[in-house]
Amino acid sequence: MSDTDLVFDATLEAPAERVFAALTQARHLECWFCDACESEPRVNGRLLMRWTRLGSSREPFEARWVEFVPPARAGFQGGHVGYPDGNAGTVWYELAANGTGTDLRVRHELPRRKGYETLITPWREAWPRALERLQRHLTPPADPRG
């Protein structure tokens, strides 16, 4: 790792298989990460994400799955024209069952080139919020019957 790699850890109250699905399947990603998604969950499969919220890039984020080992590891690499060289880096997911749930490590590996320094702070702030949304997505609603 380098000083440009961002690392985030979360403990999620869901089995690794369910967390892995939430990280890689379009129908789940649309619930906690992006507004619209297409995902071919396999090595070299396409990953296309769009955001429509105010302030979001209008460019679709186009990526490929570079690693896919259910339910332990996955990674994607991609970007759009708004990033230097069109590359937002590589995001790696590592999952480990912990007895009651899953420990997740997210590592966002940025290219080690000029132009990425200004992206570090926004991503350092955005990933924890995304992981909170993931936790809410994975948490079943309380039973209203008590």
Protein backbone atom coordinates (compact mmCIF):
# COMPACT_ATOMS: atom_id res chain seq x y z
CA MET A 1 0.00 0.00 0.00
CA SER A 2 1.03 3.59 -0.48
CA ASP A 3 -0.01 6.90 0.98
CA THR A 4 -2.48 7.29 -1.90
CA ASP A 5 -4.30 4.03 -1.09
CA LEU A 6 -7.43 4.49 0.98
CA VAL A 7 -8.40 1.67 3.35
CA PHE A 8 -11.70 1.29 5.18
CA ASP A 9 -12.80 -1.51 7.52
CA ALA A 10 -16.36 -2.39 8.50
CA THR A 11 -17.97 -5.15 10.51
CA LEU A 12 -21.29 -6.08 8.96
CA GLU A 13 -24.03 -8.14 10.58
CA ALA A 14 -24.64 -10.40 7.62
CA PRO A 15 -23.04 -13.58 6.27
CA ALA A 16 -20.18 -13.17 3.78
CA GLU A 17 -22.26 -14.55 0.91
CA ARG A 18 -24.89 -11.86 1.42
CA VAL A 19 -22.30 -9.09 1.76
CA PHE A 20 -20.52 -10.30 -1.39
CA ALA A 21 -23.81 -10.18 -3.31
CA ALA A 22 -24.46 -6.65 -2.06
CA LEU A 23 -21.03 -5.56 -3.28
CA THR A 24 -21.23 -7.14 -6.72
CA GLN A 25 -24.82 -7.54 -7.94
CA ALA A 26 -26.53 -4.65 -9.73
CA ARG A 27 -29.85 -4.92 -7.86
CA HIS A 28 -28.03 -4.53 -4.54
CA LEU A 29 -25.59 -1.84 -5.68
CA GLU A 30 -28.58 0.28 -6.73
CA CYS A 31 -29.88 0.11 -3.15
CA TRP A 32 -26.80 1.44 -1.38
CA PHE A 33 -24.09 2.65 -3.77
CA CYS A 34 -25.35 4.11 -7.06
CA ASP A 35 -28.63 5.08 -8.70
CA ALA A 36 -28.45 2.71 -11.68
CA CYS A 37 -26.19 -0.24 -12.32
CA GLU A 38 -25.34 -3.05 -14.69
CA SER A 39 -23.01 -5.75 -13.43
CA GLU A 40 -21.68 -8.94 -14.97
CA PRO A 41 -20.29 -10.47 -11.74
CA ARG A 42 -17.28 -12.41 -13.03
CA VAL A 43 -13.65 -11.70 -13.90
CA ASN A 44 -13.55 -9.26 -16.83
CA GLY A 45 -17.32 -8.73 -16.48
CA ARG A 46 -18.63 -5.24 -17.11
CA LEU A 47 -19.64 -2.92 -14.29
CA LEU A 48 -21.51 0.25 -15.23
CA MET A 49 -22.75 2.64 -12.56
CA ARG A 50 -24.64 5.92 -12.80
CA TRP A 51 -25.46 8.60 -10.27
CA THR A 52 -28.30 11.06 -10.82
CA ARG A 53 -28.28 13.01 -7.56
CA LEU A 54 -27.50 16.73 -7.51
CA GLY A 55 -23.76 17.29 -7.75
CA SER A 56 -23.06 13.84 -9.18
CA SER A 57 -21.11 13.35 -12.37
CA ARG A 58 -23.35 12.89 -15.37
CA GLU A 59 -20.75 10.55 -16.86
CA PRO A 60 -21.36 6.83 -16.36
CA PHE A 61 -18.65 5.04 -14.39
CA GLU A 62 -17.43 2.19 -16.58
CA ALA A 63 -15.35 -0.60 -15.05
CA ARG A 64 -14.37 -4.24 -15.28
CA TRP A 65 -14.22 -6.79 -12.51
CA VAL A 66 -10.51 -7.60 -12.22
CA GLU A 67 -10.89 -10.15 -9.41
CA PHE A 68 -13.88 -12.25 -8.45
CA VAL A 69 -13.59 -14.97 -5.78
CA PRO A 70 -16.97 -15.40 -4.02
CA PRO A 71 -17.46 -14.80 -1.16
CA ALA A 72 -13.94 -13.71 -0.21
CA ARG A 73 -12.55 -11.15 -2.68
CA ALA A 74 -13.52 -8.94 -5.58
CA GLY A 75 -12.06 -5.93 -7.30
CA PHE A 76 -13.01 -3.55 -10.08
CA GLN A 77 -11.10 -0.98 -12.07
CA GLY A 78 -12.52 1.84 -14.15
CA GLY A 79 -13.58 5.44 -14.34
CA HIS A 80 -14.83 8.07 -16.78
CA VAL A 81 -13.55 11.16 -18.59
CA GLY A 82 -13.80 13.23 -15.39
CA TYR A 83 -10.81 11.39 -13.87
CA PRO A 84 -7.18 11.83 -14.91
CA ASP A 85 -6.61 9.44 -17.81
CA GLY A 86 -10.24 8.32 -17.32
CA ASN A 87 -9.09 6.08 -14.46
CA ALA A 88 -10.48 6.24 -10.90
CA GLY A 89 -8.17 3.46 -9.73
CA THR A 90 -8.98 0.00 -8.45
CA VAL A 91 -11.35 -0.86 -5.62
CA TRP A 92 -10.64 -4.13 -3.80
CA TYR A 93 -13.06 -5.89 -1.43
CA GLU A 94 -11.80 -8.48 1.07
CA LEU A 95 -14.35 -10.34 3.20
CA ALA A 96 -13.87 -12.66 6.17
CA ALA A 97 -16.52 -14.38 8.27
CA ASN A 98 -16.17 -13.39 11.93
CA GLY A 99 -18.63 -15.77 13.62
CA THR A 100 -21.56 -13.38 13.83
CA GLY A 101 -21.15 -11.53 10.54
CA THR A 102 -18.52 -10.39 8.11
CA ASP A 103 -15.44 -8.22 8.36
CA LEU A 104 -15.04 -6.16 5.19
CA ARG A 105 -11.95 -4.30 4.08
CA VAL A 106 -12.28 -1.87 1.19
CA ARG A 107 -9.05 -0.69 -0.38
CA HIS A 108 -9.27 2.03 -3.01
CA GLU A 109 -5.95 1.96 -4.82
CA LEU A 110 -5.29 5.19 -6.68
CA PRO A 111 -2.91 5.49 -9.62
CA ARG A 112 0.41 6.91 -8.51
CA ARG A 113 0.37 9.78 -10.95
CA LYS A 114 -0.10 13.51 -10.82
CA GLY A 115 -3.70 14.68 -10.71
CA TYR A 116 -5.09 12.28 -8.11
CA GLU A 117 -4.19 14.30 -5.01
CA THR A 118 -7.41 16.34 -5.19
CA LEU A 119 -9.53 13.16 -5.25
CA ILE A 120 -8.19 11.68 -2.01
CA THR A 121 -10.17 13.85 0.41
CA PRO A 122 -13.56 13.46 -1.30
CA TRP A 123 -13.12 9.68 -1.47
CA ARG A 124 -11.86 9.54 2.12
CA GLU A 125 -15.16 11.20 3.12
CA ALA A 126 -17.42 9.28 0.71
CA TRP A 127 -16.42 5.67 1.47
CA PRO A 128 -17.48 5.71 5.16
CA ARG A 129 -20.88 7.12 4.16
CA ALA A 130 -21.23 4.41 1.50
CA LEU A 131 -20.35 1.70 4.04
CA GLU A 132 -23.01 3.07 6.41
CA ARG A 133 -25.56 2.78 3.60
CA LEU A 134 -24.35 -0.78 2.95
CA GLN A 135 -24.89 -1.65 6.63
CA ARG A 136 -28.44 -0.26 6.48
CA HIS A 137 -29.09 -2.21 3.28
CA LEU A 138 -27.93 -5.44 4.93
CA THR A 139 -29.83 -4.87 8.20
CA PRO A 140 -33.26 -6.45 8.08
CA PRO A 141 -36.13 -4.21 9.19
CA ALA A 142 -37.31 -4.67 12.75
CA ASP A 143 -40.25 -6.99 13.19
CA PRO A 144 -43.25 -4.71 13.86
CA ARG A 145 -44.84 -7.46 15.97
CA GLY A 146 -42.08 -6.98 18.52
